[in-house]
Amino acid sequence: MRYLNRSPFILAPGFSGLPFTPTRLGQIKPPLEESGIAMIVQQDVGHLRTALGTLPPRVINPVLIVMTGLPGTGKSTFARLLAKRLPLVIVETDSLRTSLVLHPHYTRGENSRLFTACHKLIFELLDDGISVLFDATNLSKKNRSPLYEIAGTTNTKLILVRTTAPQHVVYARLYNRSHSQIHAQQLADWNVYRRMRSGVKPISENHVIVNTSKDIESALEIMVDKISRLLEDDGS
């Protein structure tokens, strides 16, 4: 395993380019195939896929990049900058939610519907040879487990990236966001941040930490180089 050791990266415990193999693998469970629920899920996936627009080129060895981090820590900004330099599609829950629900209420059932569709969409994209960056909080291992299973089932290399920033930086970002029409669909504020922060647990899986309060250009360069090598790897 090779480690990233240049600021603003922190080893925790590192960067892994190998396929993630969860202890409980097996096939992705089809959501009640041939049932009414399965039809609704597939319709939702279709709506989300349409919302993505033009997809990047297919590759032989697609990768799955999973962002994780509290609101205001720079997940989406880092994701967009990374996507400008790599052939991948961003699946972002904040922007895709309104593709399923015109007036979101952020209920548990609504979240379950959104993430079920996102996970199935990610599986289909990877199976089609499209590299994916999943932009969501993904704070708990329970939330990330379906993504590990997807990576294992599709034999896809998974890269887990956690973004962080000091609290005063996060506070300023969330304050500015709340006063910006551009981020109207992102409702997480300082109170949401504090509530979610109290429940965050350390990540036990291999991952990379990016402090977005620092100059992230070097982080982007390292990530682009590593991911490009993974995309080009023919396994020989």
Protein backbone atom coordinates (compact mmCIF):
# COMPACT_ATOMS: atom_id res chain seq x y z
CA MET A 1 0.00 0.00 0.00
CA ARG A 2 1.26 3.47 -0.85
CA TYR A 3 0.47 6.39 1.38
CA LEU A 4 -0.27 10.01 0.61
CA ASN A 5 1.86 12.10 2.90
CA ARG A 6 1.76 15.66 1.62
CA SER A 7 -0.33 18.45 3.16
CA PRO A 8 -3.31 18.83 3.32
CA PHE A 9 -3.58 15.04 3.50
CA ILE A 10 -3.54 13.15 6.78
CA LEU A 11 -2.83 9.43 6.89
CA ALA A 12 -5.81 7.72 8.40
CA PRO A 13 -4.58 5.07 7.75
CA GLY A 14 -4.01 5.73 4.06
CA PHE A 15 -4.99 5.50 0.42
CA SER A 16 -5.89 2.13 -0.99
CA GLY A 17 -6.30 1.44 -4.68
CA LEU A 18 -7.41 -2.14 -4.19
CA PRO A 19 -10.99 -3.35 -4.51
CA PHE A 20 -12.72 -3.16 -1.13
CA THR A 21 -13.90 -6.58 0.00
CA PRO A 22 -16.42 -6.31 2.86
CA THR A 23 -16.71 -9.16 5.33
CA ARG A 24 -20.30 -9.71 4.21
CA LEU A 25 -20.14 -9.61 0.44
CA GLY A 26 -22.53 -11.50 -1.77
CA GLN A 27 -24.67 -10.02 -4.50
CA ILE A 28 -26.44 -6.70 -4.18
CA LYS A 29 -29.91 -7.51 -2.93
CA PRO A 30 -32.44 -6.69 -5.65
CA PRO A 31 -35.22 -4.59 -4.09
CA LEU A 32 -38.08 -7.09 -4.28
CA GLU A 33 -37.65 -7.92 -7.95
CA GLU A 34 -40.74 -7.94 -10.10
CA SER A 35 -42.69 -6.15 -7.39
CA GLY A 36 -44.36 -2.76 -7.41
CA ILE A 37 -41.63 -1.38 -5.17
CA ALA A 38 -38.94 -2.54 -7.59
CA MET A 39 -40.72 -0.77 -10.42
CA ILE A 40 -40.87 2.47 -8.42
CA VAL A 41 -37.17 2.20 -7.55
CA GLN A 42 -36.28 1.63 -11.19
CA GLN A 43 -38.37 4.63 -12.20
CA ASP A 44 -36.55 6.72 -9.60
CA VAL A 45 -33.21 5.52 -10.96
CA GLY A 46 -34.31 6.56 -14.42
CA HIS A 47 -35.18 10.06 -13.19
CA LEU A 48 -31.81 10.40 -11.47
CA ARG A 49 -29.91 9.13 -14.49
CA THR A 50 -31.67 11.66 -16.71
CA ALA A 51 -30.78 14.42 -14.25
CA LEU A 52 -27.08 13.53 -14.54
CA GLY A 53 -27.05 14.62 -18.17
CA THR A 54 -24.18 13.60 -20.43
CA LEU A 55 -22.06 10.84 -18.89
CA PRO A 56 -18.27 10.53 -19.16
CA PRO A 57 -16.70 7.88 -21.41
CA ARG A 58 -16.78 4.25 -20.34
CA VAL A 59 -13.56 2.74 -19.04
CA ILE A 60 -12.42 -0.82 -18.46
CA ASN A 61 -11.66 -0.26 -14.78
CA PRO A 62 -14.05 2.33 -13.32
CA VAL A 63 -13.52 3.64 -9.80
CA LEU A 64 -15.93 4.58 -7.03
CA ILE A 65 -14.99 7.64 -4.99
CA VAL A 66 -17.07 8.04 -1.84
CA MET A 67 -17.06 11.42 -0.12
CA THR A 68 -17.78 11.61 3.59
CA GLY A 69 -17.87 14.57 5.93
CA LEU A 70 -20.04 16.96 7.88
CA PRO A 71 -21.92 19.81 6.20
CA GLY A 72 -19.68 22.77 5.40
CA THR A 73 -16.45 20.76 5.27
CA GLY A 74 -16.07 21.17 1.51
CA LYS A 75 -17.23 17.83 0.11
CA SER A 76 -19.06 19.22 -2.90
CA THR A 77 -16.40 21.81 -3.74
CA PHE A 78 -13.66 19.19 -3.68
CA ALA A 79 -15.85 16.79 -5.67
CA ARG A 80 -16.52 19.34 -8.42
CA LEU A 81 -12.84 20.24 -8.73
CA LEU A 82 -11.91 16.57 -8.93
CA ALA A 83 -14.57 15.90 -11.58
CA LYS A 84 -13.14 18.67 -13.77
CA ARG A 85 -9.89 16.72 -14.00
CA LEU A 86 -11.12 13.14 -14.21
CA PRO A 87 -13.64 11.23 -16.37
CA LEU A 88 -16.26 10.59 -13.71
CA VAL A 89 -19.85 11.52 -12.90
CA ILE A 90 -20.92 13.09 -9.61
CA VAL A 91 -23.94 11.55 -7.89
CA GLU A 92 -24.83 14.27 -5.37
CA THR A 93 -27.79 13.69 -3.08
CA ASP A 94 -28.48 17.40 -2.46
CA SER A 95 -28.92 18.23 -6.14
CA LEU A 96 -30.66 14.97 -7.12
CA ARG A 97 -33.27 15.02 -4.37
CA THR A 98 -35.55 17.42 -6.26
CA SER A 99 -35.47 15.07 -9.25
CA LEU A 100 -37.58 12.70 -7.13
CA VAL A 101 -39.42 15.11 -4.82
CA LEU A 102 -40.44 18.53 -6.09
CA HIS A 103 -40.81 19.99 -2.59
CA PRO A 104 -38.51 18.01 -0.27
CA HIS A 105 -39.30 17.62 3.41
CA TYR A 106 -36.17 15.61 4.32
CA THR A 107 -38.13 12.92 6.13
CA ARG A 108 -36.71 9.49 6.93
CA GLY A 109 -38.85 7.90 4.25
CA GLU A 110 -37.79 10.49 1.68
CA ASN A 111 -34.14 9.94 2.53
CA SER A 112 -34.57 6.17 2.26
CA ARG A 113 -36.15 6.54 -1.17
CA LEU A 114 -33.38 8.86 -2.36
CA PHE A 115 -30.48 6.74 -1.14
CA THR A 116 -32.02 3.49 -2.38
CA ALA A 117 -32.25 4.99 -5.86
CA CYS A 118 -28.75 6.52 -5.64
CA HIS A 119 -27.19 3.21 -4.61
CA LYS A 120 -28.89 1.32 -7.43
CA LEU A 121 -27.88 4.05 -9.89
CA ILE A 122 -24.26 3.82 -8.73
CA PHE A 123 -24.32 0.05 -9.19
CA GLU A 124 -25.68 0.40 -12.73
CA LEU A 125 -23.19 3.11 -13.68
CA LEU A 126 -20.20 1.12 -12.44
CA ASP A 127 -21.54 -1.98 -14.17
CA ASP A 128 -21.64 0.09 -17.37
CA GLY A 129 -18.00 1.15 -16.93
CA ILE A 130 -18.72 4.68 -15.69
CA SER A 131 -16.60 5.99 -12.82
CA VAL A 132 -18.67 7.55 -10.02
CA LEU A 133 -18.08 10.08 -7.27
CA PHE A 134 -20.80 9.80 -4.60
CA ASP A 135 -21.24 13.10 -2.77
CA ALA A 136 -23.18 12.69 0.48
CA THR A 137 -22.41 12.90 4.18
CA ASN A 138 -21.96 9.09 4.48
CA LEU A 139 -20.97 9.56 8.12
CA SER A 140 -21.77 6.13 9.55
CA LYS A 141 -20.45 2.74 8.57
CA LYS A 142 -24.05 1.62 8.19
CA ASN A 143 -24.57 4.31 5.54
CA ARG A 144 -21.36 3.33 3.74
CA SER A 145 -21.88 -0.45 3.85
CA PRO A 146 -24.07 -0.60 0.70
CA LEU A 147 -21.30 1.21 -1.18
CA TYR A 148 -18.72 -1.33 -0.02
CA GLU A 149 -20.99 -4.11 -1.24
CA ILE A 150 -21.46 -2.38 -4.59
CA ALA A 151 -17.69 -2.01 -4.98
CA GLY A 152 -17.13 -5.64 -4.08
CA THR A 153 -19.86 -6.95 -6.36
CA THR A 154 -18.69 -4.93 -9.35
CA ASN A 155 -15.00 -5.53 -8.52
CA THR A 156 -14.52 -1.78 -8.47
CA LYS A 157 -11.69 0.07 -6.76
CA LEU A 158 -13.15 2.18 -3.95
CA ILE A 159 -11.57 5.35 -2.58
CA LEU A 160 -13.01 6.87 0.58
CA VAL A 161 -12.32 10.60 1.03
CA ARG A 162 -13.17 12.43 4.24
CA THR A 163 -13.21 16.23 4.20
CA THR A 164 -12.59 18.29 7.32
CA ALA A 165 -12.27 21.95 8.28
CA PRO A 166 -11.96 23.88 11.57
CA GLN A 167 -15.27 24.78 13.19
CA HIS A 168 -14.86 28.53 12.65
CA VAL A 169 -14.36 27.91 8.92
CA VAL A 170 -17.41 25.65 8.78
CA TYR A 171 -19.50 28.24 10.64
CA ALA A 172 -18.56 30.95 8.14
CA ARG A 173 -19.30 28.68 5.17
CA LEU A 174 -22.70 27.65 6.49
CA TYR A 175 -23.60 31.25 7.32
CA ASN A 176 -22.69 32.39 3.81
CA ARG A 177 -24.54 29.43 2.32
CA SER A 178 -27.71 30.26 4.22
CA HIS A 179 -27.67 33.74 2.67
CA SER A 180 -27.02 32.54 -0.87
CA GLN A 181 -29.72 31.64 -3.39
CA ILE A 182 -27.21 29.42 -5.20
CA HIS A 183 -27.21 26.96 -2.28
CA ALA A 184 -30.92 27.15 -1.57
CA GLN A 185 -31.31 23.36 -1.88
CA GLN A 186 -28.68 22.77 0.83
CA LEU A 187 -30.54 23.24 4.11
CA ALA A 188 -27.87 22.10 6.56
CA ASP A 189 -27.07 24.96 8.92
CA TRP A 190 -24.89 25.39 12.02
CA ASN A 191 -27.44 23.63 14.25
CA VAL A 192 -27.57 20.67 11.86
CA TYR A 193 -23.76 20.58 11.81
CA ARG A 194 -23.55 20.55 15.62
CA ARG A 195 -26.19 17.83 15.91
CA MET A 196 -24.51 15.61 13.31
CA ARG A 197 -21.03 16.26 14.70
CA SER A 198 -22.00 14.82 18.08
CA GLY A 199 -22.72 11.46 16.47
CA VAL A 200 -19.65 11.16 14.25
CA LYS A 201 -17.48 8.11 14.90
CA PRO A 202 -13.92 7.42 13.68
CA ILE A 203 -13.68 5.70 10.31
CA SER A 204 -12.07 2.27 10.59
CA GLU A 205 -11.78 1.66 6.84
CA ASN A 206 -8.87 2.87 4.71
CA HIS A 207 -9.49 6.49 3.80
CA VAL A 208 -7.89 9.80 2.93
CA ILE A 209 -8.51 12.98 4.92
CA VAL A 210 -8.45 16.33 3.14
CA ASN A 211 -8.43 19.54 5.17
CA THR A 212 -10.26 21.92 2.85
CA SER A 213 -9.35 25.00 4.89
CA LYS A 214 -5.84 24.72 3.42
CA ASP A 215 -4.72 25.03 -0.19
CA ILE A 216 -6.25 21.91 -1.74
CA GLU A 217 -4.40 22.15 -5.05
CA SER A 218 -1.71 19.71 -3.92
CA ALA A 219 -4.41 17.34 -2.65
CA LEU A 220 -6.16 17.48 -6.01
CA GLU A 221 -2.92 16.81 -7.89
CA ILE A 222 -2.15 13.76 -5.79
CA MET A 223 -5.68 12.40 -6.06
CA VAL A 224 -5.80 12.94 -9.83
CA ASP A 225 -2.47 11.19 -10.28
CA LYS A 226 -3.44 8.20 -8.11
CA ILE A 227 -6.91 7.80 -9.62
CA SER A 228 -5.58 8.17 -13.17
CA ARG A 229 -3.19 5.30 -12.48
CA LEU A 230 -6.06 3.17 -11.21
CA LEU A 231 -8.13 3.92 -14.32
CA GLU A 232 -5.23 2.96 -16.54
CA ASP A 233 -4.36 -0.21 -14.62
CA ASP A 234 -5.12 -3.25 -16.79
CA GLY A 235 -4.39 -5.68 -13.96
CA SER A 236 -1.26 -7.04 -15.60
